[in-house]
Amino acid sequence: MSVPLTVTELHGHPRVAEAALVVVVFCAQWCGTCREFRPVLERIARTRPQVVFAWADIEEDAELVGDIDVENFPSLAVFRADQVLHYGVSLPHEAVVARLVDSLLGQTAHGASNVPEEVAALAQRVCAGGRS
């Protein structure tokens, strides 16, 4: 299994149902910052096996994420079950992203407010599909 998964691999993936969090990174192949982010995300993913990480290329994965308006790259969406805990831009600073993921892992709070409907719909599609 690759780390991270592609966003299309999330739906129905057995790890999604048992994951503490699902982190989706929205990127674009032409984005240099996104290319810098990939190895950062891989390192973070290897040290957090309880979290499922996925990569969403807004052009290659347009059928699944095309309705999401990503204003800046890369952007992160973090889900617990089918609830969005975080959605926003993130630079490829390993310590900052790791701290965000770790803080959300320890958080028992409810979902984020002001989340675009399309991001919430993606959480529903990919996370609900991983449950039995």
Protein backbone atom coordinates (compact mmCIF):
# COMPACT_ATOMS: atom_id res chain seq x y z
CA MET A 1 0.00 0.00 0.00
CA SER A 2 1.29 3.45 -0.86
CA VAL A 3 1.48 6.20 1.71
CA PRO A 4 -0.45 8.34 1.19
CA LEU A 5 -3.34 6.74 -0.65
CA THR A 6 -4.99 8.49 -3.56
CA VAL A 7 -8.33 10.08 -2.74
CA THR A 8 -10.06 7.60 -5.07
CA GLU A 9 -8.67 4.70 -2.98
CA LEU A 10 -10.38 6.03 0.17
CA HIS A 11 -13.94 5.04 -0.66
CA GLY A 12 -14.44 1.53 0.65
CA HIS A 13 -10.86 1.19 1.89
CA PRO A 14 -10.84 -1.01 5.03
CA ARG A 15 -8.49 1.30 6.95
CA VAL A 16 -10.92 4.23 6.75
CA ALA A 17 -13.46 2.62 9.09
CA GLU A 18 -10.91 2.11 11.84
CA ALA A 19 -8.85 5.27 11.31
CA ALA A 20 -8.65 7.86 14.07
CA LEU A 21 -8.51 10.54 11.35
CA VAL A 22 -8.55 10.81 7.58
CA VAL A 23 -6.33 13.59 6.18
CA VAL A 24 -6.86 14.61 2.56
CA VAL A 25 -4.37 16.93 0.87
CA PHE A 26 -5.74 18.88 -2.09
CA CYS A 27 -2.99 19.65 -4.56
CA ALA A 28 -2.17 20.09 -8.23
CA GLN A 29 0.59 18.49 -10.27
CA TRP A 30 1.74 21.88 -11.57
CA CYS A 31 2.10 23.30 -8.03
CA GLY A 32 5.74 23.34 -6.87
CA THR A 33 4.74 23.71 -3.22
CA CYS A 34 2.53 20.63 -3.54
CA ARG A 35 5.45 18.64 -4.92
CA GLU A 36 7.48 19.73 -1.87
CA PHE A 37 4.61 18.62 0.36
CA ARG A 38 4.51 15.02 -0.88
CA PRO A 39 7.66 13.77 0.96
CA VAL A 40 6.63 15.73 4.07
CA LEU A 41 3.25 14.01 4.06
CA GLU A 42 4.87 10.62 3.52
CA ARG A 43 7.11 11.10 6.58
CA ILE A 44 4.19 12.24 8.73
CA ALA A 45 2.05 9.31 7.53
CA ARG A 46 4.73 6.72 8.32
CA THR A 47 4.82 7.82 11.98
CA ARG A 48 1.03 7.93 12.46
CA PRO A 49 -0.39 4.53 11.45
CA GLN A 50 -3.72 5.30 13.13
CA VAL A 51 -4.33 8.06 10.57
CA VAL A 52 -5.18 7.52 6.90
CA PHE A 53 -3.57 10.07 4.59
CA ALA A 54 -4.77 10.68 1.04
CA TRP A 55 -3.58 12.79 -1.86
CA ALA A 56 -6.18 14.52 -4.07
CA ASP A 57 -5.01 16.06 -7.32
CA ILE A 58 -7.71 18.55 -8.26
CA GLU A 59 -7.26 17.81 -11.96
CA GLU A 60 -6.62 14.05 -11.98
CA ASP A 61 -9.28 13.42 -9.32
CA ALA A 62 -11.72 16.03 -10.65
CA GLU A 63 -14.60 13.55 -10.76
CA LEU A 64 -14.43 13.19 -6.98
CA VAL A 65 -13.13 16.59 -5.83
CA GLY A 66 -13.88 18.85 -8.79
CA ASP A 67 -16.66 20.77 -7.02
CA ILE A 68 -14.38 21.78 -4.14
CA ASP A 69 -13.10 25.31 -4.63
CA VAL A 70 -9.44 25.12 -3.62
CA GLU A 71 -8.19 28.69 -3.54
CA ASN A 72 -4.60 27.97 -2.47
CA PHE A 73 -2.38 24.93 -2.62
CA PRO A 74 -1.89 22.74 -0.80
CA SER A 75 -5.05 22.64 1.32
CA LEU A 76 -5.85 20.05 3.98
CA ALA A 77 -9.14 18.53 5.02
CA VAL A 78 -9.16 16.43 8.19
CA PHE A 79 -12.09 14.11 8.90
CA ARG A 80 -13.06 12.01 11.90
CA ALA A 81 -15.61 9.49 10.74
CA ASP A 82 -17.65 11.61 8.34
CA GLN A 83 -17.22 14.90 10.20
CA VAL A 84 -14.86 17.66 9.00
CA LEU A 85 -12.54 18.79 11.83
CA HIS A 86 -10.34 21.09 9.73
CA TYR A 87 -10.20 22.58 6.24
CA GLY A 88 -7.58 25.11 5.20
CA VAL A 89 -4.31 25.95 3.48
CA SER A 90 -1.09 24.44 4.79
CA LEU A 91 2.49 24.97 3.75
CA PRO A 92 4.81 21.96 3.67
CA HIS A 93 6.27 22.62 7.12
CA GLU A 94 6.55 19.17 8.64
CA ALA A 95 6.43 20.25 12.29
CA VAL A 96 3.37 22.45 11.76
CA VAL A 97 1.40 19.80 9.86
CA ALA A 98 2.39 17.10 12.35
CA ARG A 99 1.31 19.34 15.24
CA LEU A 100 -2.06 19.99 13.55
CA VAL A 101 -2.67 16.26 13.02
CA ASP A 102 -1.58 15.43 16.57
CA SER A 103 -3.79 18.15 18.08
CA LEU A 104 -6.80 16.86 16.14
CA LEU A 105 -6.02 13.30 17.20
CA GLY A 106 -6.29 14.37 20.83
CA GLN A 107 -9.34 16.55 20.30
CA THR A 108 -12.80 15.40 21.26
CA ALA A 109 -14.44 18.57 19.98
CA HIS A 110 -17.11 18.66 17.31
CA GLY A 111 -16.61 19.46 13.67
CA ALA A 112 -15.24 22.67 12.23
CA SER A 113 -17.57 25.53 11.41
CA ASN A 114 -17.86 27.30 8.06
CA VAL A 115 -16.75 24.26 6.08
CA PRO A 116 -17.73 24.34 2.41
CA GLU A 117 -20.60 21.96 1.65
CA GLU A 118 -18.49 20.21 -0.99
CA VAL A 119 -15.80 19.31 1.59
CA ALA A 120 -18.45 17.98 3.99
CA ALA A 121 -19.93 15.95 1.12
CA LEU A 122 -16.49 14.48 0.37
CA ALA A 123 -16.16 13.43 4.02
CA GLN A 124 -19.53 11.70 3.77
CA ARG A 125 -18.59 9.91 0.54
CA VAL A 126 -15.14 8.67 1.50
CA CYS A 127 -15.66 7.95 5.19
CA ALA A 128 -19.08 6.35 5.00
CA GLY A 129 -17.78 4.02 2.30
CA GLY A 130 -15.15 2.60 4.64
CA ARG A 131 -17.67 1.35 7.21
CA SER A 132 -19.15 -2.08 7.20
